[in-house]
Amino acid sequence: MKRPASIKTNMNSSLTTPNFYIGNNDTVLHFYTYYKTERNYDYGYVEISTNNGSTWTQLTSFTDSSLTWIRYQTRLSYPVGTAVKLRFRFYSDASLLREGWFVDDININNGLEIHEELTLKPEITAEISSVLPNPFIRSVMITYALPNERHVKITVYDIAGKLVKTLVDQKVKAGKYNLVWDGVDGQGRRLPSGVYFTKIDLGKSKVVKKVILIR
C-alpha cells in the first residue's frame, strides 16, 4: 500500500514510476485506491509524462471519500513504443486534514497478456514540511525540500513586522534541509518571549508561519 507522504497541510508531494513502454493500443493502467480528503480542496492526481518528467498531463483526480477501496482503470492511448512514466501527486490546502490518499497494486496490461507491476519512488517537490517545535524554548527547526537548485530566502519578523533575522538568502541545491533558528536576532542578541513570524520563500512555494518563543 502506497501513499505520497505523511499527510500535512500545504502539501504538494508525489511518487513516480520508472519509465515503461506502450505495448499497443490496448495498453491499460489499473490500480486500487482509497481516499478520504476535504472535498474540492484536497486532491490526489494521476499524471503521465512522455518526456521523462519534463511536463505532465493529468489522467484523473480524486477528492472527497471513496468509502472503501475501489479499482480504477484507464486506457493509455499513446503510440506503440512511447516511453512514459506515471506520477501520483497529492495536494492539500492549509485547512482541514483527513486520512489522505492511498494507492496499491499499480499494474500495466499491454493487451498481449503481459502484465507489469510498477514500483513507485519518491519525487522531491518544493515543500515546506514543518516548523517545529512550536512553541519553542531554545530553538525551532524549519524543514523544507527542493526538487532542483533555486534561490531560497527565509527570514524572521517580530509581531510589529520588523525584520529581526535573515536565516538564509542564497541559491540552494536540490535536496532536503533542516534549518535551525535559535531565537536570536541578526546581531546575536537573545530575543524576548513573544510571537514571531518565519517567512519562507522557496520560489513558487511561499508561506508565513507563526512561532512562539518562550523564555
Protein backbone atom coordinates (compact mmCIF):
# COMPACT_ATOMS: atom_id res chain seq x y z
CA MET A 1 0.00 0.00 0.00
CA LYS A 2 1.38 3.39 -1.01
CA ARG A 3 0.58 7.00 -0.30
CA PRO A 4 2.63 10.00 -1.45
CA ALA A 5 3.81 11.01 2.05
CA SER A 6 2.69 11.64 5.62
CA ILE A 7 -0.35 13.88 5.29
CA LYS A 8 0.22 17.55 6.18
CA THR A 9 -1.31 20.91 5.28
CA ASN A 10 0.10 22.89 2.33
CA MET A 11 1.32 19.69 0.73
CA ASN A 12 2.31 19.03 -2.87
CA SER A 13 4.10 15.69 -2.78
CA SER A 14 4.36 12.87 -5.27
CA LEU A 15 5.55 9.38 -6.12
CA THR A 16 6.64 8.43 -9.65
CA THR A 17 7.09 5.19 -11.57
CA PRO A 18 10.09 4.27 -13.70
CA ASN A 19 9.71 4.68 -17.47
CA PHE A 20 7.79 1.92 -19.24
CA TYR A 21 6.76 1.44 -22.86
CA ILE A 22 3.35 1.43 -24.53
CA GLY A 23 2.86 -2.05 -25.99
CA ASN A 24 -0.14 -1.49 -28.26
CA ASN A 25 -3.43 0.41 -28.46
CA ASP A 26 -4.91 -1.80 -25.73
CA THR A 27 -2.44 -0.72 -23.04
CA VAL A 28 -4.40 -0.24 -19.80
CA LEU A 29 -3.39 1.19 -16.42
CA HIS A 30 -5.24 -0.16 -13.41
CA PHE A 31 -4.76 0.21 -9.66
CA TYR A 32 -6.68 0.18 -6.39
CA THR A 33 -7.25 3.38 -4.43
CA TYR A 34 -8.80 4.57 -1.21
CA TYR A 35 -9.15 8.25 -0.33
CA LYS A 36 -10.74 10.45 2.31
CA THR A 37 -9.94 14.11 1.73
CA GLU A 38 -11.53 17.52 2.12
CA ARG A 39 -13.88 17.69 -0.85
CA ASN A 40 -12.84 20.11 -3.63
CA TYR A 41 -9.86 21.35 -1.59
CA ASP A 42 -7.50 18.34 -1.22
CA TYR A 43 -6.83 16.18 -4.29
CA GLY A 44 -4.98 13.11 -5.46
CA TYR A 45 -3.82 13.49 -9.07
CA VAL A 46 -2.71 10.77 -11.50
CA GLU A 47 -0.48 12.24 -14.21
CA ILE A 48 1.51 10.92 -17.17
CA SER A 49 4.67 12.16 -18.89
CA THR A 50 6.06 11.25 -22.31
CA ASN A 51 9.27 13.29 -21.93
CA ASN A 52 10.85 11.76 -18.82
CA GLY A 53 9.04 14.07 -16.40
CA SER A 54 9.69 17.45 -18.03
CA THR A 55 5.92 18.04 -18.39
CA TRP A 56 2.88 16.18 -17.07
CA THR A 57 -0.68 15.58 -18.31
CA GLN A 58 -3.48 14.80 -15.87
CA LEU A 59 -5.23 11.47 -16.34
CA THR A 60 -7.67 11.73 -13.44
CA SER A 61 -8.11 13.13 -9.94
CA PHE A 62 -9.70 12.04 -6.66
CA THR A 63 -11.30 14.11 -3.88
CA ASP A 64 -13.91 13.62 -1.12
CA SER A 65 -14.27 9.98 0.05
CA SER A 66 -14.32 6.64 -1.74
CA LEU A 67 -15.76 4.96 1.42
CA THR A 68 -13.81 1.79 0.59
CA TRP A 69 -11.05 0.53 -1.72
CA ILE A 70 -12.05 0.84 -5.38
CA ARG A 71 -10.47 -0.36 -8.63
CA TYR A 72 -9.65 2.31 -11.21
CA GLN A 73 -8.55 1.74 -14.79
CA THR A 74 -7.95 3.83 -17.89
CA ARG A 75 -6.62 3.23 -21.40
CA LEU A 76 -3.26 4.80 -22.26
CA SER A 77 -3.79 5.99 -25.83
CA TYR A 78 -0.24 6.73 -26.97
CA PRO A 79 1.71 5.46 -30.00
CA VAL A 80 3.24 1.99 -29.67
CA GLY A 81 6.77 2.20 -28.28
CA THR A 82 6.27 5.51 -26.47
CA ALA A 83 8.25 5.70 -23.21
CA VAL A 84 6.02 7.03 -20.42
CA LYS A 85 6.09 7.40 -16.67
CA LEU A 86 3.31 7.99 -14.16
CA ARG A 87 3.12 10.35 -11.21
CA PHE A 88 0.75 10.05 -8.25
CA ARG A 89 0.60 13.53 -6.68
CA PHE A 90 -1.22 14.60 -3.52
CA TYR A 91 -2.15 18.23 -2.89
CA SER A 92 -3.62 19.66 0.33
CA ASP A 93 -4.52 23.20 1.30
CA ALA A 94 -3.90 24.97 4.60
CA SER A 95 -7.05 23.89 6.44
CA LEU A 96 -8.86 20.64 7.29
CA LEU A 97 -6.99 17.33 7.03
CA ARG A 98 -8.48 13.86 6.77
CA GLU A 99 -6.94 10.43 6.17
CA GLY A 100 -5.46 11.27 2.76
CA TRP A 101 -4.99 9.21 -0.41
CA PHE A 102 -3.72 5.64 -0.82
CA VAL A 103 -2.90 3.59 -3.94
CA ASP A 104 -1.95 -0.08 -4.31
CA ASP A 105 -1.35 -2.79 -6.93
CA ILE A 106 -0.42 -0.48 -9.81
CA ASN A 107 -0.34 -2.56 -13.00
CA ILE A 108 0.02 -2.12 -16.74
CA ASN A 109 -1.66 -4.52 -19.18
CA ASN A 110 -0.43 -4.00 -22.75
CA GLY A 111 -3.13 -6.15 -24.42
CA LEU A 112 -0.78 -9.06 -25.11
CA GLU A 113 -1.37 -10.74 -21.73
CA ILE A 114 1.83 -9.13 -20.47
CA HIS A 115 1.36 -7.51 -17.09
CA GLU A 116 3.86 -5.27 -15.38
CA GLU A 117 3.55 -4.21 -11.74
CA LEU A 118 5.02 -0.73 -11.33
CA THR A 119 7.02 0.36 -8.31
CA LEU A 120 6.69 3.89 -7.01
CA LYS A 121 9.62 6.00 -5.88
CA PRO A 122 9.59 9.35 -4.05
CA GLU A 123 9.99 12.53 -6.06
CA ILE A 124 11.25 15.63 -4.31
CA THR A 125 8.98 18.61 -4.77
CA ALA A 126 9.29 22.09 -3.29
CA GLU A 127 7.69 21.62 0.10
CA ILE A 128 7.75 23.28 3.50
CA SER A 129 7.36 20.27 5.74
CA SER A 130 7.35 21.70 9.26
CA VAL A 131 8.37 24.44 11.67
CA LEU A 132 8.79 22.61 14.98
CA PRO A 133 8.59 22.61 17.94
CA ASN A 134 6.06 25.37 18.35
CA PRO A 135 6.03 26.94 20.93
CA PHE A 136 9.82 26.61 21.42
CA ILE A 137 12.24 27.42 24.23
CA ARG A 138 15.77 27.10 22.81
CA SER A 139 15.42 26.62 19.06
CA VAL A 140 12.97 25.86 16.25
CA MET A 141 13.71 23.72 13.18
CA ILE A 142 12.45 24.63 9.70
CA THR A 143 12.32 21.59 7.40
CA TYR A 144 11.99 22.02 3.63
CA ALA A 145 12.76 20.23 0.36
CA LEU A 146 13.84 21.39 -3.11
CA PRO A 147 13.47 19.44 -6.40
CA ASN A 148 16.24 21.49 -8.04
CA GLU A 149 18.64 24.33 -7.34
CA ARG A 150 16.84 27.58 -6.63
CA HIS A 151 17.03 30.76 -4.60
CA VAL A 152 15.82 30.32 -1.03
CA LYS A 153 15.06 33.15 1.37
CA ILE A 154 13.96 32.50 4.95
CA THR A 155 13.50 35.46 7.30
CA VAL A 156 12.12 36.09 10.79
CA TYR A 157 9.94 39.08 11.79
CA ASP A 158 8.62 40.24 15.14
CA ILE A 159 4.94 40.91 15.82
CA ALA A 160 5.38 44.54 14.72
CA GLY A 161 6.58 43.40 11.29
CA LYS A 162 10.22 44.34 11.88
CA LEU A 163 12.85 42.06 10.33
CA VAL A 164 14.87 40.52 13.16
CA LYS A 165 16.99 37.98 11.30
CA THR A 166 17.66 36.58 7.82
CA LEU A 167 18.36 32.86 8.15
CA VAL A 168 19.20 32.18 4.51
CA ASP A 169 19.20 34.25 1.31
CA GLN A 170 21.08 32.37 -1.41
CA LYS A 171 20.91 29.66 -4.04
CA VAL A 172 20.47 26.19 -2.53
CA LYS A 173 21.00 22.85 -4.29
CA ALA A 174 18.28 20.20 -4.61
CA GLY A 175 17.66 18.11 -1.51
CA LYS A 176 16.03 18.09 1.92
CA TYR A 177 17.16 20.55 4.58
CA ASN A 178 16.77 21.25 8.29
CA LEU A 179 17.41 24.88 9.26
CA VAL A 180 17.61 25.86 12.93
CA TRP A 181 16.77 29.28 14.41
CA ASP A 182 17.98 29.68 17.99
CA GLY A 183 15.86 32.68 18.96
CA VAL A 184 18.50 35.38 18.42
CA ASP A 185 18.49 38.39 16.12
CA GLY A 186 20.93 39.36 13.39
CA GLN A 187 23.41 40.72 15.96
CA GLY A 188 23.35 37.55 18.04
CA ARG A 189 21.19 39.02 20.82
CA ARG A 190 18.65 36.82 22.60
CA LEU A 191 15.14 37.88 21.72
CA PRO A 192 12.42 38.14 24.36
CA SER A 193 9.45 35.82 24.66
CA GLY A 194 6.71 36.54 22.18
CA VAL A 195 5.18 35.84 18.78
CA TYR A 196 7.42 35.80 15.70
CA PHE A 197 6.81 35.03 12.04
CA THR A 198 9.05 32.97 9.76
CA LYS A 199 8.66 33.93 6.10
CA ILE A 200 9.75 31.01 3.92
CA ASP A 201 10.23 31.68 0.19
CA LEU A 202 11.19 28.67 -1.96
CA GLY A 203 10.33 30.31 -5.27
CA LYS A 204 6.87 29.07 -6.20
CA SER A 205 6.26 27.82 -2.66
CA LYS A 206 5.86 30.65 -0.15
CA VAL A 207 4.41 30.61 3.33
CA VAL A 208 4.48 32.55 6.59
CA LYS A 209 4.48 30.51 9.81
CA LYS A 210 3.76 31.92 13.27
CA VAL A 211 6.07 30.69 16.03
CA ILE A 212 6.01 31.38 19.75
CA LEU A 213 9.24 31.85 21.70
CA ILE A 214 9.09 31.09 25.42
CA ARG A 215 11.94 32.16 27.73
